[in-house]
Every structure is written in C-alpha cells, then in structure tokens.
Amino acid sequence: MIPANNAETASCDAEDADFAAGEAATAAQDIWDECLDQSPESLKCTEEDFASLLEKVTTASSPAQDRSFELLYPENFTRARIASALIDCLWLEGEFRLEDLRLWADWSWNSEGIGRMAAFYNSVRSASEYIYDLGVGIMGYGYEDSEGECVNSYFPALAAYADTSEEEDEDMADKDWEEDDMAPERQWTVGGPDCALGMDRQVWMGDERKCSAVLRDCPESTFLVYLPFDTCQFRLGGSLLSNCLGEGGGPAPVMDDPDYFIDCFEVVRDLVEDGVVLSSRTVCDGGLAVAAKKLAASTGLGISLNVNGLSRAYNEPDRMKLLFAEVPGVLLQFNEADADYVDSQFLLQDVAYYRVGTVSSAFKGVVLEPRSNGVENIIASLGGGF
C-alpha cells in the first residue's frame, strides 16, 4: 500500500510523463504557420529577370479550369475562376448578354488535411454570392471526393440549357469540356443558332471564335488594350509567379466589384460583335504578361509591352505586380483606324482601359519596354503616349 504523500508524488510523476510524451508527439508533427512564409510582396524578382520569369510562369499555366485550387485564398481564387469562365464566352460568335448565361459549378475535392473543408465552405459561399451579384445564376453543380489536388471549375452555357431535365443536367456534367490553346479556332460548344429563350430578341451562342486568339498580321497599324474587369489592386498572393518562386502568403487581389465586371463585359461584347476586335485573350492565370505571350504565340510577331500608364493610374511602382498579378480581364488588339470609335465606346461605358503595347514584326515573343522618364510623363499628361 502506497502512503498518501507517495501516491500524490506518483500521480504528479505520471502527469509529467504524459505531458512530456505529448510535447514529443507535437514536436514530431509538421506545424504550418502561414505568417512565417515570405510574402510575395517582397519577392526578389527584377525587370531584368522578366524574360526568364515569363517563361517559367507560362510553362506552369494550364487550361484555366484545370488549375489546382489555391487553398490559402478560397474566396479570391473562386471568383477568379468564375470571372475567367465568363470572359472566355466573350470571344464566341452569337448574340447574347451576360444575363443570358448560366454556370455549371464543379468541385473535385481532397478533404484530407487541416483547413481543406473550411476552404471548400468559403469557396461555395463566395461562388454563390458572386454569381448572384453578376446576375448570372447557377444551372447546376457537382461534387466528388478526390485523392489528388483540389479543383474548382465553372462551365458556362445559355440560360435555355438551365431549363433542362435532371437527366440532361447529368449529361451536361459528364461533358468533356476543354479549351485548346494550341488550336485557337476550336472552342467547347455551349449553344447553337437554334437556341432561343422566348424573348423579343434572338439569343444564341456558337462554338467558333468571332475574333482570333493570336495576333493578326498587320503589326504597324494596330495597338493593344488591357481592361482589368475589377477595380481591385494588383497583388501577387496566390499567383503562378509566387508558386514558381516557391513563395506563399501575402495578400491576393480582392475582387469585390461585380457591377464593374458587368460594365466591362457589356462594352467588350459590343466591340466583338461589331467586328473591331482583331484578336483577344482572357487575362487571368499568369496575369497580363502570360496573356500577351499566348497572344503572340505561333505568329512570328512580337509584342512590346508598355505598362507605364497602368503604373501611373494605379500608383504602383512595382511593374512585376502589374505584369503577373492575376486580376481577370482582357487583352485586345485593334486597328489604329478604329481608335476613335474604341475610345468612345469605353468612355460611354465609363470603364478604364490602358494601351499597353504595340505589335512588331522585328522580333518574336514579348519584350518589356523600359520605365518612363520625366519627359514621357509630361507628354502623357498632355494627352499623348501611353
């Protein structure tokens, strides 16, 4: 029989042993603290590294709807996926408006790991809020457990397809949706000329592009325009650039202006239907720089990117943010002869647009023009230049 004092001592020793064992077990586990990750805002990438960085980020980019989910940024990443899916519709033949579209939402999710289900919840909540604010609507959704990476995808169709039977909805979910960057004239089918919504106007969407996905071969008489579809700041958190450099954390673009997205969509769609857009690219994964590289691909032409005006407008001296931040938008090629008409359409809709470069037959690929000097700033303030 153990005396009382000895029993208390034994109990304390047992508690100490349990505490020590718990400490050892905790030390053996991986502990993640996002606060210790270096912020992409302080990435050591310079403009001299632009060519190599652009190559890395372009190689890392994939078809927009196949990209692995950025778990640290569920709300922002979800909205970017929705925005890019809707923007891709702009380039197709047809007569439709943003309000005529519906989205099929799909989550392929690996729930193993701390925080993954919280990210899924935030993704669903953000998707429902953003889609509602855009006036688009959800035609259906799908969810499946996955042992791989988490993926969140969105596929657009006309509203008429939302009024289908359950069996037809399942067929829509099983459809092999694909965007082929190597064949710019081939796009997934989302409608047809026989699709009507019972309105006082005909609404349809074809499967061919209205404007090319690569540069048109008339370089000396054209210019490039960039339209970000949100008023948020350019930030690198969750971008392909930060992933390629092995960095994490830091703020991401916060897309919170659906009304502005609607205005941008309307004016760009009008320009596409008018036939004045020579070529176009959706800006999202990889940012403006990757969109420019894909636009110039396989043409034998080059793009000279000038983001000095964009830098002044946003008061952002870090041009790497402007080039690689993933703010959804569009990159468009126009004829100089249409410049006045294009300017008037943008001004009437009250959306910001930026001339970001020129096309050249003297080189291939994308080059970055140097920073503007004081003289260029004076010229720009008088209404000239970029």
Protein backbone atom coordinates (compact mmCIF):
# COMPACT_ATOMS: atom_id res chain seq x y z
CA MET A 1 0.00 0.00 0.00
CA ILE A 2 1.39 3.42 -1.03
CA PRO A 3 1.31 6.22 1.57
CA ALA A 4 -0.74 9.28 0.69
CA ASN A 5 2.27 11.53 0.11
CA ASN A 6 3.92 8.93 -2.10
CA ALA A 7 0.66 8.45 -4.04
CA GLU A 8 0.47 12.17 -4.77
CA THR A 9 4.10 12.11 -5.88
CA ALA A 10 3.44 9.16 -8.19
CA SER A 11 0.39 10.91 -9.66
CA CYS A 12 2.42 14.05 -10.40
CA ASP A 13 5.17 11.97 -11.99
CA ALA A 14 2.59 10.26 -14.21
CA GLU A 15 1.13 13.61 -15.28
CA ASP A 16 4.64 14.92 -16.05
CA ALA A 17 5.34 11.82 -18.13
CA ASP A 18 2.09 12.28 -20.09
CA PHE A 19 2.89 15.96 -20.70
CA ALA A 20 6.39 15.10 -21.90
CA ALA A 21 5.01 12.45 -24.22
CA GLY A 22 2.52 14.94 -25.63
CA GLU A 23 5.27 17.50 -26.19
CA ALA A 24 7.38 14.91 -28.01
CA ALA A 25 4.46 13.92 -30.22
CA THR A 26 3.74 17.54 -31.06
CA ALA A 27 7.40 18.16 -31.89
CA ALA A 28 7.36 15.20 -34.26
CA GLN A 29 4.50 16.70 -36.33
CA ASP A 30 4.78 19.27 -39.10
CA ILE A 31 3.49 22.62 -37.90
CA TRP A 32 2.47 25.14 -40.56
CA ASP A 33 2.34 28.83 -39.86
CA GLU A 34 1.47 30.95 -42.88
CA CYS A 35 2.69 34.04 -41.03
CA LEU A 36 6.25 32.74 -41.32
CA ASP A 37 6.06 32.43 -45.11
CA GLN A 38 7.71 35.20 -47.07
CA SER A 39 5.17 37.49 -48.65
CA PRO A 40 5.13 37.68 -52.46
CA GLU A 41 5.11 41.46 -51.99
CA SER A 42 8.82 41.18 -51.19
CA LEU A 43 9.79 38.75 -53.93
CA LYS A 44 13.28 39.41 -55.22
CA CYS A 45 12.37 39.49 -58.90
CA THR A 46 13.57 42.34 -61.06
CA GLU A 47 12.72 43.56 -64.52
CA GLU A 48 16.00 42.07 -65.72
CA ASP A 49 14.51 38.67 -64.82
CA PHE A 50 11.33 39.33 -66.82
CA ALA A 51 12.08 37.00 -69.75
CA SER A 52 13.02 34.01 -67.57
CA LEU A 53 10.12 34.61 -65.18
CA LEU A 54 7.67 34.84 -68.06
CA GLU A 55 8.89 31.53 -69.45
CA LYS A 56 8.52 29.81 -66.07
CA VAL A 57 5.04 31.15 -65.40
CA THR A 58 3.81 30.37 -68.92
CA THR A 59 5.07 26.79 -68.61
CA ALA A 60 3.28 26.45 -65.26
CA SER A 61 -0.03 27.72 -66.64
CA SER A 62 -2.66 25.17 -67.62
CA PRO A 63 -6.18 25.32 -69.06
CA ALA A 64 -7.97 27.65 -66.68
CA GLN A 65 -10.46 25.12 -65.35
CA ASP A 66 -7.79 22.51 -64.53
CA ARG A 67 -5.67 24.61 -62.19
CA SER A 68 -5.15 23.38 -58.64
CA PHE A 69 -7.13 25.30 -56.06
CA GLU A 70 -5.25 27.93 -54.04
CA LEU A 71 -6.30 26.83 -50.56
CA LEU A 72 -4.97 29.94 -48.82
CA TYR A 73 -7.21 32.16 -50.97
CA PRO A 74 -10.56 30.35 -51.38
CA GLU A 75 -12.73 33.43 -51.93
CA ASN A 76 -10.39 35.23 -54.31
CA PHE A 77 -9.45 32.13 -56.28
CA THR A 78 -13.10 31.08 -56.67
CA ARG A 79 -14.11 34.48 -58.03
CA ALA A 80 -11.19 34.49 -60.46
CA ARG A 81 -12.29 31.09 -61.82
CA ILE A 82 -15.84 32.36 -62.30
CA ALA A 83 -14.64 35.55 -63.97
CA SER A 84 -12.30 33.78 -66.39
CA ALA A 85 -15.02 31.28 -67.41
CA LEU A 86 -17.45 34.09 -68.22
CA ILE A 87 -14.82 36.19 -70.01
CA ASP A 88 -13.99 33.24 -72.27
CA CYS A 89 -17.55 33.48 -73.63
CA LEU A 90 -16.85 36.98 -74.95
CA TRP A 91 -14.88 35.68 -77.91
CA LEU A 92 -17.57 33.37 -79.30
CA GLU A 93 -19.98 34.00 -82.14
CA GLY A 94 -23.56 34.72 -81.20
CA GLU A 95 -25.98 37.23 -79.84
CA PHE A 96 -26.11 37.15 -76.06
CA ARG A 97 -25.57 39.21 -72.95
CA LEU A 98 -24.12 38.38 -69.58
CA GLU A 99 -27.60 37.95 -68.12
CA ASP A 100 -28.30 35.21 -70.69
CA LEU A 101 -25.57 32.97 -69.25
CA ARG A 102 -25.63 30.33 -66.54
CA LEU A 103 -22.78 28.44 -64.90
CA TRP A 104 -22.25 24.80 -64.03
CA ALA A 105 -20.08 24.68 -60.89
CA ASP A 106 -17.92 21.67 -60.09
CA TRP A 107 -15.74 20.81 -57.09
CA SER A 108 -13.30 17.90 -57.13
CA TRP A 109 -12.06 17.96 -53.56
CA ASN A 110 -9.49 16.23 -51.38
CA SER A 111 -10.80 16.77 -47.86
CA GLU A 112 -7.76 15.27 -46.13
CA GLY A 113 -5.75 17.91 -44.32
CA ILE A 114 -6.35 20.76 -41.92
CA GLY A 115 -8.41 23.61 -43.34
CA ARG A 116 -9.46 21.98 -46.59
CA MET A 117 -13.14 21.71 -45.72
CA ALA A 118 -13.12 25.27 -44.44
CA ALA A 119 -11.68 26.32 -47.81
CA PHE A 120 -14.43 24.35 -49.56
CA TYR A 121 -17.12 26.08 -47.50
CA ASN A 122 -15.65 29.52 -48.24
CA SER A 123 -15.40 28.65 -51.94
CA VAL A 124 -19.07 27.65 -52.15
CA ARG A 125 -20.21 30.71 -50.22
CA SER A 126 -18.10 33.06 -52.33
CA ALA A 127 -19.28 31.44 -55.58
CA SER A 128 -22.96 31.77 -54.70
CA GLU A 129 -22.56 35.42 -53.67
CA TYR A 130 -20.50 36.45 -56.70
CA ILE A 131 -22.64 34.63 -59.26
CA TYR A 132 -25.78 36.17 -57.77
CA ASP A 133 -24.25 39.67 -57.84
CA LEU A 134 -23.28 39.20 -61.51
CA GLY A 135 -26.88 38.31 -62.37
CA VAL A 136 -25.80 35.06 -64.00
CA GLY A 137 -27.20 32.20 -61.93
CA ILE A 138 -26.19 28.56 -61.38
CA MET A 139 -27.59 25.88 -63.68
CA GLY A 140 -26.26 23.06 -61.51
CA TYR A 141 -23.30 21.83 -59.52
CA GLY A 142 -21.26 18.73 -58.90
CA TYR A 143 -19.05 17.45 -56.11
CA GLU A 144 -16.76 14.45 -55.93
CA ASP A 145 -14.17 13.27 -53.43
CA SER A 146 -10.65 13.26 -54.79
CA GLU A 147 -7.35 11.84 -53.65
CA GLY A 148 -5.40 14.38 -55.69
CA GLU A 149 -5.38 18.16 -55.81
CA CYS A 150 -8.48 20.21 -55.11
CA VAL A 151 -10.00 21.69 -58.28
CA ASN A 152 -12.90 24.12 -58.67
CA SER A 153 -14.23 24.60 -62.22
CA TYR A 154 -17.01 26.55 -63.91
CA PHE A 155 -18.59 25.93 -67.31
CA PRO A 156 -20.93 28.46 -68.97
CA ALA A 157 -24.00 27.87 -71.11
CA LEU A 158 -27.01 29.86 -72.22
CA ALA A 159 -29.92 30.18 -69.83
CA ALA A 160 -32.06 27.87 -72.02
CA TYR A 161 -29.82 24.98 -71.03
CA ALA A 162 -30.62 25.64 -67.38
CA ASP A 163 -34.26 24.67 -68.05
CA THR A 164 -33.45 21.04 -68.79
CA SER A 165 -34.40 17.79 -67.17
CA GLU A 166 -32.32 16.13 -64.48
CA GLU A 167 -31.04 13.56 -66.98
CA GLU A 168 -29.92 16.33 -69.34
CA ASP A 169 -28.19 18.11 -66.46
CA GLU A 170 -26.24 14.91 -65.75
CA ASP A 171 -25.22 14.73 -69.41
CA MET A 172 -24.02 18.33 -69.17
CA ALA A 173 -21.92 17.47 -66.10
CA ASP A 174 -20.35 14.49 -67.88
CA LYS A 175 -19.45 16.52 -70.97
CA ASP A 176 -15.74 16.71 -71.76
CA TRP A 177 -15.23 20.48 -71.59
CA GLU A 178 -11.92 21.70 -72.90
CA GLU A 179 -10.19 24.83 -74.11
CA ASP A 180 -7.35 24.10 -76.53
CA ASP A 181 -4.79 26.92 -76.62
CA MET A 182 -2.92 25.27 -79.49
CA ALA A 183 -5.99 25.39 -81.73
CA PRO A 184 -7.42 28.89 -81.20
CA GLU A 185 -10.36 28.38 -83.56
CA ARG A 186 -11.60 25.35 -81.61
CA GLN A 187 -13.70 26.01 -78.54
CA TRP A 188 -16.11 23.99 -76.47
CA THR A 189 -19.71 24.11 -77.63
CA VAL A 190 -22.08 25.98 -75.34
CA GLY A 191 -25.08 26.54 -77.56
CA GLY A 192 -26.25 26.88 -81.13
CA PRO A 193 -28.15 29.14 -83.52
CA ASP A 194 -31.43 27.36 -82.75
CA CYS A 195 -31.28 28.29 -79.07
CA ALA A 196 -33.99 30.83 -78.22
CA LEU A 197 -35.16 31.98 -74.81
CA GLY A 198 -38.66 33.08 -75.72
CA MET A 199 -37.67 36.74 -75.62
CA ASP A 200 -38.24 39.59 -78.07
CA ARG A 201 -34.70 39.06 -79.33
CA GLN A 202 -32.87 36.04 -80.65
CA VAL A 203 -30.27 34.69 -78.26
CA TRP A 204 -27.69 32.16 -79.37
CA MET A 205 -24.06 31.21 -78.91
CA GLY A 206 -21.91 29.30 -81.36
CA ASP A 207 -18.77 27.25 -80.89
CA GLU A 208 -16.48 29.29 -83.18
CA ARG A 209 -14.49 32.33 -82.18
CA LYS A 210 -15.62 35.70 -83.50
CA CYS A 211 -12.06 37.05 -83.15
CA SER A 212 -8.73 35.26 -83.29
CA ALA A 213 -6.80 34.06 -80.24
CA VAL A 214 -3.46 35.01 -81.82
CA LEU A 215 -2.15 38.29 -83.21
CA ARG A 216 -3.38 39.48 -86.59
CA ASP A 217 -0.62 40.08 -89.11
CA CYS A 218 -0.89 43.86 -89.52
CA PRO A 219 1.53 45.00 -86.81
CA GLU A 220 2.36 48.56 -87.86
CA SER A 221 -1.27 49.70 -87.84
CA THR A 222 -2.52 48.09 -84.61
CA PHE A 223 -2.33 48.62 -80.86
CA LEU A 224 -3.06 46.59 -77.72
CA VAL A 225 -5.50 47.47 -74.95
CA TYR A 226 -5.79 45.95 -71.49
CA LEU A 227 -9.02 46.05 -69.45
CA PRO A 228 -8.98 44.70 -65.89
CA PHE A 229 -12.54 43.57 -65.07
CA ASP A 230 -12.35 44.66 -61.44
CA THR A 231 -11.18 47.77 -59.59
CA CYS A 232 -9.02 45.83 -57.11
CA GLN A 233 -5.31 46.39 -56.56
CA PHE A 234 -2.64 44.28 -58.26
CA ARG A 235 -1.25 41.78 -55.76
CA LEU A 236 0.79 38.60 -56.14
CA GLY A 237 -0.61 36.35 -53.40
CA GLY A 238 -1.79 33.04 -54.86
CA SER A 239 -0.35 33.81 -58.30
CA LEU A 240 1.53 31.42 -60.54
CA LEU A 241 4.57 33.68 -60.18
CA SER A 242 4.67 33.22 -56.41
CA ASN A 243 4.15 29.47 -56.86
CA CYS A 244 7.01 29.22 -59.36
CA LEU A 245 9.33 31.02 -56.95
CA GLY A 246 8.30 28.79 -54.05
CA GLU A 247 6.80 31.61 -52.01
CA GLY A 248 3.50 31.69 -50.14
CA GLY A 249 1.32 34.00 -48.12
CA GLY A 250 0.81 37.66 -48.79
CA PRO A 251 -2.34 39.44 -49.99
CA ALA A 252 -4.14 38.44 -53.19
CA PRO A 253 -6.37 40.59 -55.44
CA VAL A 254 -9.74 41.09 -53.76
CA MET A 255 -12.44 41.02 -56.43
CA ASP A 256 -15.41 42.82 -54.95
CA ASP A 257 -16.90 44.95 -57.73
CA PRO A 258 -19.37 42.83 -59.75
CA ASP A 259 -21.11 45.92 -61.16
CA TYR A 260 -17.86 46.98 -62.79
CA PHE A 261 -17.42 43.47 -64.22
CA ILE A 262 -20.89 43.76 -65.81
CA ASP A 263 -19.99 47.10 -67.43
CA CYS A 264 -16.70 45.73 -68.80
CA PHE A 265 -18.38 42.59 -70.16
CA GLU A 266 -21.03 44.64 -71.95
CA VAL A 267 -18.67 47.03 -73.72
CA VAL A 268 -16.20 44.31 -74.79
CA ARG A 269 -19.02 42.11 -76.09
CA ASP A 270 -20.36 45.04 -78.15
CA LEU A 271 -16.91 45.58 -79.67
CA VAL A 272 -16.58 41.88 -80.50
CA GLU A 273 -20.00 41.81 -82.17
CA ASP A 274 -19.10 44.97 -84.12
CA GLY A 275 -16.11 43.12 -85.55
CA VAL A 276 -13.50 45.68 -84.49
CA VAL A 277 -11.57 43.31 -82.16
CA LEU A 278 -8.83 41.76 -84.30
CA SER A 279 -7.56 39.32 -81.67
CA SER A 280 -8.10 38.74 -77.98
CA ARG A 281 -7.01 36.84 -74.91
CA THR A 282 -8.51 36.35 -71.47
CA VAL A 283 -6.20 37.68 -68.75
CA CYS A 284 -6.21 35.56 -65.61
CA ASP A 285 -3.73 32.79 -64.81
CA GLY A 286 -0.22 34.24 -65.02
CA GLY A 287 -1.51 37.77 -65.47
CA LEU A 288 -1.11 40.24 -68.31
CA ALA A 289 2.36 39.03 -69.29
CA VAL A 290 1.25 35.42 -69.91
CA ALA A 291 -1.80 36.58 -71.88
CA ALA A 292 0.50 38.66 -74.10
CA LYS A 293 2.85 35.71 -74.63
CA LYS A 294 -0.02 33.42 -75.63
CA LEU A 295 -1.44 36.09 -77.92
CA ALA A 296 1.90 36.34 -79.73
CA ALA A 297 2.49 32.58 -79.87
CA SER A 298 2.92 30.88 -83.26
CA THR A 299 2.54 34.10 -85.25
CA GLY A 300 6.11 35.16 -85.96
CA LEU A 301 5.24 38.51 -84.40
CA GLY A 302 6.26 40.17 -81.16
CA ILE A 303 4.65 42.36 -78.53
CA SER A 304 6.36 45.29 -76.90
CA LEU A 305 4.63 45.66 -73.53
CA ASN A 306 4.39 49.12 -72.01
CA VAL A 307 2.77 49.28 -68.56
CA ASN A 308 3.91 52.78 -67.67
CA GLY A 309 0.41 54.23 -67.99
CA LEU A 310 -1.00 51.38 -65.90
CA SER A 311 1.66 52.05 -63.29
CA ARG A 312 0.73 55.73 -63.08
CA ALA A 313 -3.00 55.02 -62.94
CA TYR A 314 -2.66 52.61 -60.01
CA ASN A 315 0.25 54.43 -58.39
CA GLU A 316 2.07 51.10 -58.45
CA PRO A 317 5.85 51.33 -58.99
CA ASP A 318 6.36 47.54 -58.92
CA ARG A 319 5.81 46.56 -62.53
CA MET A 320 6.12 42.85 -61.72
CA LYS A 321 2.79 43.13 -59.90
CA LEU A 322 1.17 44.74 -62.92
CA LEU A 323 2.53 42.05 -65.23
CA PHE A 324 1.92 38.91 -63.15
CA ALA A 325 -0.91 39.70 -60.71
CA GLU A 326 -3.95 37.65 -61.68
CA VAL A 327 -6.68 40.28 -61.94
CA PRO A 328 -9.16 38.88 -64.51
CA GLY A 329 -9.54 40.97 -67.62
CA VAL A 330 -8.92 41.06 -71.37
CA LEU A 331 -6.10 41.89 -73.77
CA LEU A 332 -7.35 43.18 -77.14
CA GLN A 333 -5.80 44.07 -80.50
CA PHE A 334 -7.36 46.92 -82.51
CA ASN A 335 -6.67 48.74 -85.75
CA GLU A 336 -5.41 52.30 -85.33
CA ALA A 337 -8.16 53.31 -87.78
CA ASP A 338 -10.73 52.25 -85.17
CA ALA A 339 -9.06 54.07 -82.28
CA ASP A 340 -11.61 56.90 -82.01
CA TYR A 341 -14.56 54.50 -82.07
CA VAL A 342 -12.94 52.24 -79.47
CA ASP A 343 -12.18 55.20 -77.21
CA SER A 344 -15.76 56.45 -77.43
CA GLN A 345 -17.22 53.06 -76.50
CA PHE A 346 -15.01 52.73 -73.44
CA LEU A 347 -15.74 56.28 -72.33
CA LEU A 348 -19.50 55.88 -72.78
CA GLN A 349 -19.48 52.78 -70.57
CA ASP A 350 -17.18 54.53 -68.08
CA VAL A 351 -14.63 51.71 -67.85
CA ALA A 352 -10.88 52.15 -67.52
CA TYR A 353 -8.71 50.88 -70.36
CA TYR A 354 -4.99 51.08 -70.99
CA ARG A 355 -2.87 51.00 -74.09
CA VAL A 356 -0.24 48.50 -73.07
CA GLY A 357 1.85 47.98 -76.14
CA THR A 358 2.41 47.58 -79.83
CA VAL A 359 2.90 44.72 -82.25
CA SER A 360 6.12 44.30 -84.20
CA SER A 361 7.39 42.02 -86.95
CA ALA A 362 11.01 42.73 -85.97
CA PHE A 363 11.08 40.09 -83.20
CA LYS A 364 9.11 37.23 -81.69
CA GLY A 365 7.67 36.85 -78.22
CA VAL A 366 7.24 39.56 -75.62
CA VAL A 367 9.64 42.29 -74.51
CA LEU A 368 9.14 44.81 -71.73
CA GLU A 369 9.66 48.47 -72.55
CA PRO A 370 11.73 50.49 -70.06
CA ARG A 371 10.25 52.70 -67.38
CA SER A 372 9.03 56.09 -68.45
CA ASN A 373 11.14 59.15 -67.74
CA GLY A 374 10.06 62.65 -66.81
CA VAL A 375 9.60 63.74 -70.42
CA GLU A 376 7.22 60.86 -71.15
CA ASN A 377 5.20 61.73 -68.05
CA ILE A 378 4.81 65.32 -69.27
CA ILE A 379 3.70 64.12 -72.72
CA ALA A 380 1.23 61.71 -71.14
CA SER A 381 -0.25 64.47 -69.01
CA LEU A 382 -0.88 66.45 -72.22
CA GLY A 383 -2.84 63.56 -73.68
CA GLY A 384 -0.18 61.77 -75.71
CA GLY A 385 1.67 58.49 -75.40
CA PHE A 386 0.58 55.71 -73.07
